[in-house]
PDB file of N, CA and C in Angstrom:
ATOM      1  N   MET A   1       0.833  -1.192   0.000  1.00  0.00           N
ATOM      2  CA  MET A   1       0.000   0.000   0.000  1.00  0.00           C
ATOM      3  C   MET A   1       0.873   1.251   0.000  1.00  0.00           C
ATOM      4  N   LYS A   2       1.949   1.191   0.767  1.00  0.00           N
ATOM      5  CA  LYS A   2       2.846   2.332   0.868  1.00  0.00           C
ATOM      6  C   LYS A   2       3.514   2.604  -0.482  1.00  0.00           C
ATOM      7  N   LYS A   3       3.842   1.539  -1.213  1.00  0.00           N
ATOM      8  CA  LYS A   3       4.483   1.706  -2.519  1.00  0.00           C
ATOM      9  C   LYS A   3       3.520   2.349  -3.527  1.00  0.00           C
ATOM     10  N   ILE A   4       2.252   1.997  -3.431  1.00  0.00           N
ATOM     11  CA  ILE A   4       1.265   2.568  -4.345  1.00  0.00           C
ATOM     12  C   ILE A   4       1.110   4.067  -4.098  1.00  0.00           C
ATOM     13  N   ILE A   5       1.086   4.483  -2.840  1.00  0.00           N
ATOM     14  CA  ILE A   5       0.957   5.907  -2.512  1.00  0.00           C
ATOM     15  C   ILE A   5       2.187   6.670  -2.989  1.00  0.00           C
ATOM     16  N   VAL A   6       3.368   6.105  -2.755  1.00  0.00           N
ATOM     17  CA  VAL A   6       4.596   6.764  -3.200  1.00  0.00           C
ATOM     18  C   VAL A   6       4.616   6.858  -4.732  1.00  0.00           C
ATOM     19  N   PHE A   7       4.224   5.790  -5.401  1.00  0.00           N
ATOM     20  CA  PHE A   7       4.173   5.801  -6.859  1.00  0.00           C
ATOM     21  C   PHE A   7       3.189   6.848  -7.371  1.00  0.00           C
ATOM     22  N   ALA A   8       2.017   6.942  -6.782  1.00  0.00           N
ATOM     23  CA  ALA A   8       1.011   7.919  -7.192  1.00  0.00           C
ATOM     24  C   ALA A   8       1.519   9.342  -6.978  1.00  0.00           C
ATOM     25  N   LEU A   9       2.173   9.604  -5.863  1.00  0.00           N
ATOM     26  CA  LEU A   9       2.718  10.935  -5.606  1.00  0.00           C
ATOM     27  C   LEU A   9       3.813  11.282  -6.618  1.00  0.00           C
ATOM     28  N   MET A  10       4.672  10.320  -6.925  1.00  0.00           N
ATOM     29  CA  MET A  10       5.739  10.564  -7.910  1.00  0.00           C
ATOM     30  C   MET A  10       5.138  10.813  -9.299  1.00  0.00           C
ATOM     31  N   LEU A  11       4.082  10.077  -9.637  1.00  0.00           N
ATOM     32  CA  LEU A  11       3.423  10.260 -10.924  1.00  0.00           C
ATOM     33  C   LEU A  11       2.784  11.642 -11.023  1.00  0.00           C
ATOM     34  N   ILE A  12       2.107  12.075  -9.988  1.00  0.00           N
ATOM     35  CA  ILE A  12       1.483  13.400  -9.982  1.00  0.00           C
ATOM     36  C   ILE A  12       2.544  14.487 -10.040  1.00  0.00           C
ATOM     37  N   LEU A  13       3.633  14.318  -9.290  1.00  0.00           N
ATOM     38  CA  LEU A  13       4.710  15.310  -9.275  1.00  0.00           C
ATOM     39  C   LEU A  13       5.355  15.424 -10.652  1.00  0.00           C
ATOM     40  N   SER A  14       5.629  14.289 -11.291  1.00  0.00           N
ATOM     41  CA  SER A  14       6.265  14.347 -12.608  1.00  0.00           C
ATOM     42  C   SER A  14       5.313  14.914 -13.667  1.00  0.00           C
ATOM     43  N   ALA A  15       4.040  14.612 -13.560  1.00  0.00           N
ATOM     44  CA  ALA A  15       3.076  15.125 -14.534  1.00  0.00           C
ATOM     45  C   ALA A  15       2.952  16.637 -14.439  1.00  0.00           C
ATOM     46  N   THR A  16       2.967  17.169 -13.244  1.00  0.00           N
ATOM     47  CA  THR A  16       2.836  18.621 -13.103  1.00  0.00           C
ATOM     48  C   THR A  16       4.131  19.345 -13.416  1.00  0.00           C
ATOM     49  N   SER A  17       5.276  18.724 -13.198  1.00  0.00           N
ATOM     50  CA  SER A  17       6.535  19.428 -13.425  1.00  0.00           C
ATOM     51  C   SER A  17       6.993  19.360 -14.877  1.00  0.00           C
ATOM     52  N   PHE A  18       6.611  18.322 -15.621  1.00  0.00           N
ATOM     53  CA  PHE A  18       7.070  18.177 -16.997  1.00  0.00           C
ATOM     54  C   PHE A  18       6.003  18.460 -18.047  1.00  0.00           C
ATOM     55  N   SER A  19       4.806  18.749 -17.654  1.00  0.00           N
ATOM     56  CA  SER A  19       3.756  19.017 -18.637  1.00  0.00           C
ATOM     57  C   SER A  19       3.841  20.460 -19.121  1.00  0.00           C
ATOM     58  N   GLN A  20       3.101  20.763 -20.152  1.00  0.00           N
ATOM     59  CA  GLN A  20       3.101  22.112 -20.690  1.00  0.00           C
ATOM     60  C   GLN A  20       2.373  23.042 -19.735  1.00  0.00           C
ATOM     61  N   PRO A  21       2.873  24.256 -19.613  1.00  0.00           N
ATOM     62  CA  PRO A  21       2.201  25.187 -18.709  1.00  0.00           C
ATOM     63  C   PRO A  21       0.839  25.612 -19.255  1.00  0.00           C
ATOM     64  N   VAL A  22      -0.090  25.770 -18.379  1.00  0.00           N
ATOM     65  CA  VAL A  22      -1.431  26.197 -18.766  1.00  0.00           C
ATOM     66  C   VAL A  22      -1.522  27.694 -18.518  1.00  0.00           C
ATOM     67  N   THR A  23      -1.568  28.433 -19.604  1.00  0.00           N
ATOM     68  CA  THR A  23      -1.685  29.891 -19.488  1.00  0.00           C
ATOM     69  C   THR A  23      -2.825  30.343 -20.381  1.00  0.00           C
ATOM     70  N   ASN A  24      -3.453  31.378 -19.982  1.00  0.00           N
ATOM     71  CA  ASN A  24      -4.526  31.963 -20.785  1.00  0.00           C
ATOM     72  C   ASN A  24      -3.913  33.017 -21.695  1.00  0.00           C
ATOM     73  N   THR A  25      -3.767  32.671 -22.959  1.00  0.00           N
ATOM     74  CA  THR A  25      -3.203  33.624 -23.914  1.00  0.00           C
ATOM     75  C   THR A  25      -4.326  34.445 -24.513  1.00  0.00           C
ATOM     76  N   ALA A  26      -3.948  35.523 -25.131  1.00  0.00           N
ATOM     77  CA  ALA A  26      -4.944  36.385 -25.775  1.00  0.00           C
ATOM     78  C   ALA A  26      -5.531  35.648 -26.971  1.00  0.00           C
ATOM     79  N   PRO A  27      -6.792  35.827 -27.231  1.00  0.00           N
ATOM     80  CA  PRO A  27      -7.394  35.142 -28.383  1.00  0.00           C
ATOM     81  C   PRO A  27      -6.778  35.638 -29.687  1.00  0.00           C
ATOM     82  N   THR A  28      -6.745  34.742 -30.658  1.00  0.00           N
ATOM     83  CA  THR A  28      -6.185  35.084 -31.949  1.00  0.00           C
ATOM     84  C   THR A  28      -7.136  36.039 -32.662  1.00  0.00           C
ATOM     85  N   VAL A  29      -6.550  37.090 -33.195  1.00  0.00           N
ATOM     86  CA  VAL A  29      -7.373  38.101 -33.864  1.00  0.00           C
ATOM     87  C   VAL A  29      -7.220  37.986 -35.378  1.00  0.00           C
ATOM     88  N   LYS A  30      -8.034  38.726 -36.076  1.00  0.00           N
ATOM     89  CA  LYS A  30      -8.065  38.650 -37.530  1.00  0.00           C
ATOM     90  C   LYS A  30      -6.729  39.052 -38.152  1.00  0.00           C
ATOM     91  N   THR A  31      -6.025  40.013 -37.558  1.00  0.00           N
ATOM     92  CA  THR A  31      -4.744  40.457 -38.129  1.00  0.00           C
ATOM     93  C   THR A  31      -3.708  39.337 -38.096  1.00  0.00           C
ATOM     94  N   ASP A  32      -3.771  38.475 -37.067  1.00  0.00           N
ATOM     95  CA  ASP A  32      -2.837  37.352 -37.011  1.00  0.00           C
ATOM     96  C   ASP A  32      -3.086  36.389 -38.172  1.00  0.00           C
ATOM     97  N   TYR A  33      -4.355  36.126 -38.444  1.00  0.00           N
ATOM     98  CA  TYR A  33      -4.696  35.243 -39.559  1.00  0.00           C
ATOM     99  C   TYR A  33      -4.314  35.859 -40.898  1.00  0.00           C
ATOM    100  N   LEU A  34      -4.493  37.160 -41.037  1.00  0.00           N
ATOM    101  CA  LEU A  34      -4.128  37.825 -42.288  1.00  0.00           C
ATOM    102  C   LEU A  34      -2.618  37.798 -42.502  1.00  0.00           C
ATOM    103  N   LYS A  35      -1.847  37.961 -41.441  1.00  0.00           N
ATOM    104  CA  LYS A  35      -0.389  37.913 -41.543  1.00  0.00           C
ATOM    105  C   LYS A  35       0.055  36.510 -41.952  1.00  0.00           C
ATOM    106  N   LYS A  36      -0.533  35.494 -41.337  1.00  0.00           N
ATOM    107  CA  LYS A  36      -0.187  34.116 -41.672  1.00  0.00           C
ATOM    108  C   LYS A  36      -0.577  33.807 -43.115  1.00  0.00           C
ATOM    109  N   SER A  37      -1.718  34.281 -43.538  1.00  0.00           N
ATOM    110  CA  SER A  37      -2.185  34.050 -44.902  1.00  0.00           C
ATOM    111  C   SER A  37      -1.252  34.706 -45.914  1.00  0.00           C
ATOM    112  N   GLY A  38      -0.774  35.896 -45.603  1.00  0.00           N
ATOM    113  CA  GLY A  38       0.158  36.581 -46.497  1.00  0.00           C
ATOM    114  C   GLY A  38       1.460  35.815 -46.643  1.00  0.00           C
ATOM    115  N   GLY A  39       1.942  35.254 -45.538  1.00  0.00           N
ATOM    116  CA  GLY A  39       3.171  34.453 -45.592  1.00  0.00           C
ATOM    117  C   GLY A  39       2.980  33.184 -46.397  1.00  0.00           C
ATOM    118  N   GLN A  40       1.829  32.557 -46.266  1.00  0.00           N
ATOM    119  CA  GLN A  40       1.550  31.344 -47.025  1.00  0.00           C
ATOM    120  C   GLN A  40       1.412  31.646 -48.509  1.00  0.00           C
ATOM    121  N   THR A  41       0.835  32.786 -48.836  1.00  0.00           N
ATOM    122  CA  THR A  41       0.693  33.178 -50.241  1.00  0.00           C
ATOM    123  C   THR A  41       2.061  33.419 -50.866  1.00  0.00           C
ATOM    124  N   THR A  42       2.934  34.094 -50.146  1.00  0.00           N
ATOM    125  CA  THR A  42       4.283  34.353 -50.649  1.00  0.00           C
ATOM    126  C   THR A  42       5.029  33.048 -50.878  1.00  0.00           C
ATOM    127  N   THR A  43       4.933  32.135 -49.930  1.00  0.00           N
ATOM    128  CA  THR A  43       5.598  30.846 -50.059  1.00  0.00           C
ATOM    129  C   THR A  43       5.041  30.065 -51.243  1.00  0.00           C
ATOM    130  N   ALA A  44       3.740  30.108 -51.438  1.00  0.00           N
ATOM    131  CA  ALA A  44       3.124  29.392 -52.558  1.00  0.00           C
ATOM    132  C   ALA A  44       3.614  29.938 -53.897  1.00  0.00           C
ATOM    133  N   TRP A  45       3.716  31.246 -54.038  1.00  0.00           N
ATOM    134  CA  TRP A  45       4.196  31.831 -55.294  1.00  0.00           C
ATOM    135  C   TRP A  45       5.654  31.475 -55.533  1.00  0.00           C
ATOM    136  N   MET A  46       6.460  31.472 -54.469  1.00  0.00           N
ATOM    137  CA  MET A  46       7.877  31.121 -54.621  1.00  0.00           C
ATOM    138  C   MET A  46       8.026  29.666 -55.063  1.00  0.00           C
ATOM    139  N   LEU A  47       7.254  28.762 -54.462  1.00  0.00           N
ATOM    140  CA  LEU A  47       7.329  27.356 -54.849  1.00  0.00           C
ATOM    141  C   LEU A  47       6.838  27.138 -56.274  1.00  0.00           C
ATOM    142  N   LEU A  48       5.805  27.858 -56.671  1.00  0.00           N
ATOM    143  CA  LEU A  48       5.312  27.758 -58.040  1.00  0.00           C
ATOM    144  C   LEU A  48       6.365  28.229 -59.036  1.00  0.00           C
ATOM    145  N   ALA A  49       7.021  29.338 -58.733  1.00  0.00           N
ATOM    146  CA  ALA A  49       8.054  29.864 -59.629  1.00  0.00           C
ATOM    147  C   ALA A  49       9.244  28.907 -59.724  1.00  0.00           C
ATOM    148  N   CYS A  50       9.668  28.358 -58.608  1.00  0.00           N
ATOM    149  CA  CYS A  50      10.797  27.413 -58.622  1.00  0.00           C
ATOM    150  C   CYS A  50      10.442  26.142 -59.381  1.00  0.00           C
ATOM    151  N   GLY A  51       9.235  25.645 -59.206  1.00  0.00           N
ATOM    152  CA  GLY A  51       8.814  24.452 -59.930  1.00  0.00           C
ATOM    153  C   GLY A  51       8.735  24.688 -61.424  1.00  0.00           C
ATOM    154  N   THR A  52       8.223  25.848 -61.811  1.00  0.00           N
ATOM    155  CA  THR A  52       8.126  26.183 -63.232  1.00  0.00           C
ATOM    156  C   THR A  52       9.514  26.330 -63.844  1.00  0.00           C
ATOM    157  N   ALA A  53      10.412  26.986 -63.127  1.00  0.00           N
ATOM    158  CA  ALA A  53      11.781  27.152 -63.618  1.00  0.00           C
ATOM    159  C   ALA A  53      12.483  25.796 -63.723  1.00  0.00           C
ATOM    160  N   GLY A  54      12.267  24.941 -62.763  1.00  0.00           N
ATOM    161  CA  GLY A  54      12.876  23.614 -62.819  1.00  0.00           C
ATOM    162  C   GLY A  54      12.345  22.790 -63.979  1.00  0.00           C
ATOM    163  N   LEU A  55      11.046  22.857 -64.202  1.00  0.00           N
ATOM    164  CA  LEU A  55      10.443  22.135 -65.321  1.00  0.00           C
ATOM    165  C   LEU A  55      10.961  22.666 -66.650  1.00  0.00           C
ATOM    166  N   ALA A  56      11.036  23.986 -66.782  1.00  0.00           N
ATOM    167  CA  ALA A  56      11.547  24.587 -68.020  1.00  0.00           C
ATOM    168  C   ALA A  56      13.015  24.210 -68.235  1.00  0.00           C
ATOM    169  N   GLY A  57      13.785  24.239 -67.164  1.00  0.00           N
ATOM    170  CA  GLY A  57      15.193  23.851 -67.277  1.00  0.00           C
ATOM    171  C   GLY A  57      15.364  22.402 -67.684  1.00  0.00           C
ATOM    172  N   ALA A  58      14.530  21.530 -67.128  1.00  0.00           N
ATOM    173  CA  ALA A  58      14.607  20.112 -67.488  1.00  0.00           C
ATOM    174  C   ALA A  58      14.214  19.890 -68.947  1.00  0.00           C
ATOM    175  N   MET A  59      13.220  20.617 -69.399  1.00  0.00           N
ATOM    176  CA  MET A  59      12.790  20.470 -70.798  1.00  0.00           C
ATOM    177  C   MET A  59      13.866  20.986 -71.754  1.00  0.00           C
ATOM    178  N   ILE A  60      14.502  22.080 -71.395  1.00  0.00           N
ATOM    179  CA  ILE A  60      15.580  22.622 -72.239  1.00  0.00           C
ATOM    180  C   ILE A  60      16.756  21.663 -72.253  1.00  0.00           C
ATOM    181  N   ALA A  61      17.108  21.140 -71.064  1.00  0.00           N
ATOM    182  CA  ALA A  61      18.233  20.215 -70.985  1.00  0.00           C
ATOM    183  C   ALA A  61      17.948  18.929 -71.750  1.00  0.00           C
ATOM    184  N   ALA A  62      16.719  18.452 -71.705  1.00  0.00           N
ATOM    185  CA  ALA A  62      16.380  17.218 -72.414  1.00  0.00           C
ATOM    186  C   ALA A  62      16.445  17.415 -73.918  1.00  0.00           C
ATOM    187  N   GLY A  63      16.185  18.602 -74.384  1.00  0.00           N
ATOM    188  CA  GLY A  63      16.215  18.853 -75.821  1.00  0.00           C
ATOM    189  C   GLY A  63      17.591  19.182 -76.348  1.00  0.00           C
ATOM    190  N   SER A  64      18.538  19.512 -75.488  1.00  0.00           N
ATOM    191  CA  SER A  64      19.834  19.975 -75.970  1.00  0.00           C
ATOM    192  C   SER A  64      20.929  18.911 -75.893  1.00  0.00           C
ATOM    193  N   PHE A  65      20.711  17.832 -75.171  1.00  0.00           N
ATOM    194  CA  PHE A  65      21.739  16.803 -75.050  1.00  0.00           C
ATOM    195  C   PHE A  65      21.391  15.632 -75.955  1.00  0.00           C
ATOM    196  N   SER A  66      22.298  15.300 -76.827  1.00  0.00           N
ATOM    197  CA  SER A  66      22.094  14.145 -77.690  1.00  0.00           C
ATOM    198  C   SER A  66      23.435  13.448 -77.901  1.00  0.00           C
ATOM    199  N   ILE A  67      23.371  12.191 -78.245  1.00  0.00           N
ATOM    200  CA  ILE A  67      24.574  11.392 -78.489  1.00  0.00           C
ATOM    201  C   ILE A  67      24.514  10.890 -79.921  1.00  0.00           C
ATOM    202  N   ASP A  68      25.617  11.018 -80.624  1.00  0.00           N
ATOM    203  CA  ASP A  68      25.688  10.495 -81.978  1.00  0.00           C
ATOM    204  C   ASP A  68      26.142   9.046 -81.919  1.00  0.00           C
ATOM    205  N   ILE A  69      25.352   8.168 -82.521  1.00  0.00           N
ATOM    206  CA  ILE A  69      25.681   6.747 -82.542  1.00  0.00           C
ATOM    207  C   ILE A  69      25.800   6.334 -84.004  1.00  0.00           C
ATOM    208  N   HIS A  70      26.922   5.727 -84.351  1.00  0.00           N
ATOM    209  CA  HIS A  70      27.162   5.285 -85.726  1.00  0.00           C
ATOM    210  C   HIS A  70      26.905   3.794 -85.809  1.00  0.00           C
ATOM    211  N   PHE A  71      25.977   3.411 -86.657  1.00  0.00           N
ATOM    212  CA  PHE A  71      25.685   2.009 -86.909  1.00  0.00           C
ATOM    213  C   PHE A  71      26.218   1.626 -88.288  1.00  0.00           C
ATOM    214  N   GLY A  72      26.553   0.400 -88.437  1.00  0.00           N
ATOM    215  CA  GLY A  72      26.965  -0.084 -89.757  1.00  0.00           C
ATOM    216  C   GLY A  72      28.440   0.156 -90.011  1.00  0.00           C
ATOM    217  N   SER A  73      28.796   0.260 -91.276  1.00  0.00           N
ATOM    218  CA  SER A  73      30.202   0.390 -91.660  1.00  0.00           C
ATOM    219  C   SER A  73      30.689   1.814 -91.401  1.00  0.00           C
ATOM    220  N   SER A  74      31.988   1.972 -91.444  1.00  0.00           N
ATOM    221  CA  SER A  74      32.591   3.277 -91.208  1.00  0.00           C
ATOM    222  C   SER A  74      32.352   4.223 -92.376  1.00  0.00           C
ATOM    223  N   SER A  75      31.934   3.692 -93.535  1.00  0.00           N
ATOM    224  CA  SER A  75      31.681   4.558 -94.683  1.00  0.00           C
ATOM    225  C   SER A  75      30.341   5.277 -94.573  1.00  0.00           C
ATOM    226  N   ASP A  76      29.474   4.789 -93.683  1.00  0.00           N
ATOM    227  CA  ASP A  76      28.179   5.437 -93.485  1.00  0.00           C
ATOM    228  C   ASP A  76      28.398   6.695 -92.645  1.00  0.00           C
ATOM    229  N   LYS A  77      28.169   7.847 -93.190  1.00  0.00           N
ATOM    230  CA  LYS A  77      28.456   9.112 -92.506  1.00  0.00           C
ATOM    231  C   LYS A  77      27.237   9.750 -91.864  1.00  0.00           C
ATOM    232  N   SER A  78      26.081   9.122 -91.951  1.00  0.00           N
ATOM    233  CA  SER A  78      24.887   9.719 -91.340  1.00  0.00           C
ATOM    234  C   SER A  78      24.656   9.052 -89.963  1.00  0.00           C
ATOM    235  N   PRO A  79      24.969   9.749 -88.909  1.00  0.00           N
ATOM    236  CA  PRO A  79      24.804   9.150 -87.588  1.00  0.00           C
ATOM    237  C   PRO A  79      23.330   9.150 -87.138  1.00  0.00           C
ATOM    238  N   SER A  80      22.999   8.196 -86.341  1.00  0.00           N
ATOM    239  CA  SER A  80      21.684   8.169 -85.708  1.00  0.00           C
ATOM    240  C   SER A  80      21.783   8.951 -84.398  1.00  0.00           C
ATOM    241  N   ARG A  81      20.752   9.674 -84.075  1.00  0.00           N
ATOM    242  CA  ARG A  81      20.780  10.490 -82.856  1.00  0.00           C
ATOM    243  C   ARG A  81      19.945   9.826 -81.766  1.00  0.00           C
ATOM    244  N   LEU A  82      20.496   9.819 -80.577  1.00  0.00           N
ATOM    245  CA  LEU A  82      19.804   9.308 -79.406  1.00  0.00           C
ATOM    246  C   LEU A  82      19.559  10.497 -78.473  1.00  0.00           C
ATOM    247  N   LEU A  83      18.335  10.788 -78.226  1.00  0.00           N
ATOM    248  CA  LEU A  83      17.984  11.920 -77.372  1.00  0.00           C
ATOM    249  C   LEU A  83      17.880  11.462 -75.933  1.00  0.00           C
ATOM    250  N   LEU A  84      18.636  12.090 -75.081  1.00  0.00           N
ATOM    251  CA  LEU A  84      18.595  11.752 -73.659  1.00  0.00           C
ATOM    252  C   LEU A  84      17.553  12.593 -72.958  1.00  0.00           C
ATOM    253  N   ALA A  85      16.625  11.951 -72.333  1.00  0.00           N
ATOM    254  CA  ALA A  85      15.587  12.680 -71.608  1.00  0.00           C
ATOM    255  C   ALA A  85      15.599  12.307 -70.150  1.00  0.00           C
TER     256      ALA A  85
END
C-alpha cells in the first residue's frame, strides 16, 4: 500500500513538473490570420516559380543533349541520334 501511494505521488509530481504550462493567452485576432495568410501566399508563389523554372530547365536540358551513334560500316556518314531525356 505504501508503494502505491509513493508511486502515485511521484506520478502526480512528474506530470505537473514536466507538462506544458497552462496559461490563458490572448485570443487570436483577424490580423494574425491575415499575416499568416500573407506568408503562405508568398511561399506558394515562390514554390510555383521554382517548380516552373525547374520544369523549363529540365525540358531545355532534355532537348539539348544528344549522343551520336554510328551504326553499320565506317563509310556510313549519317549518324543516328539518341535523345537523352
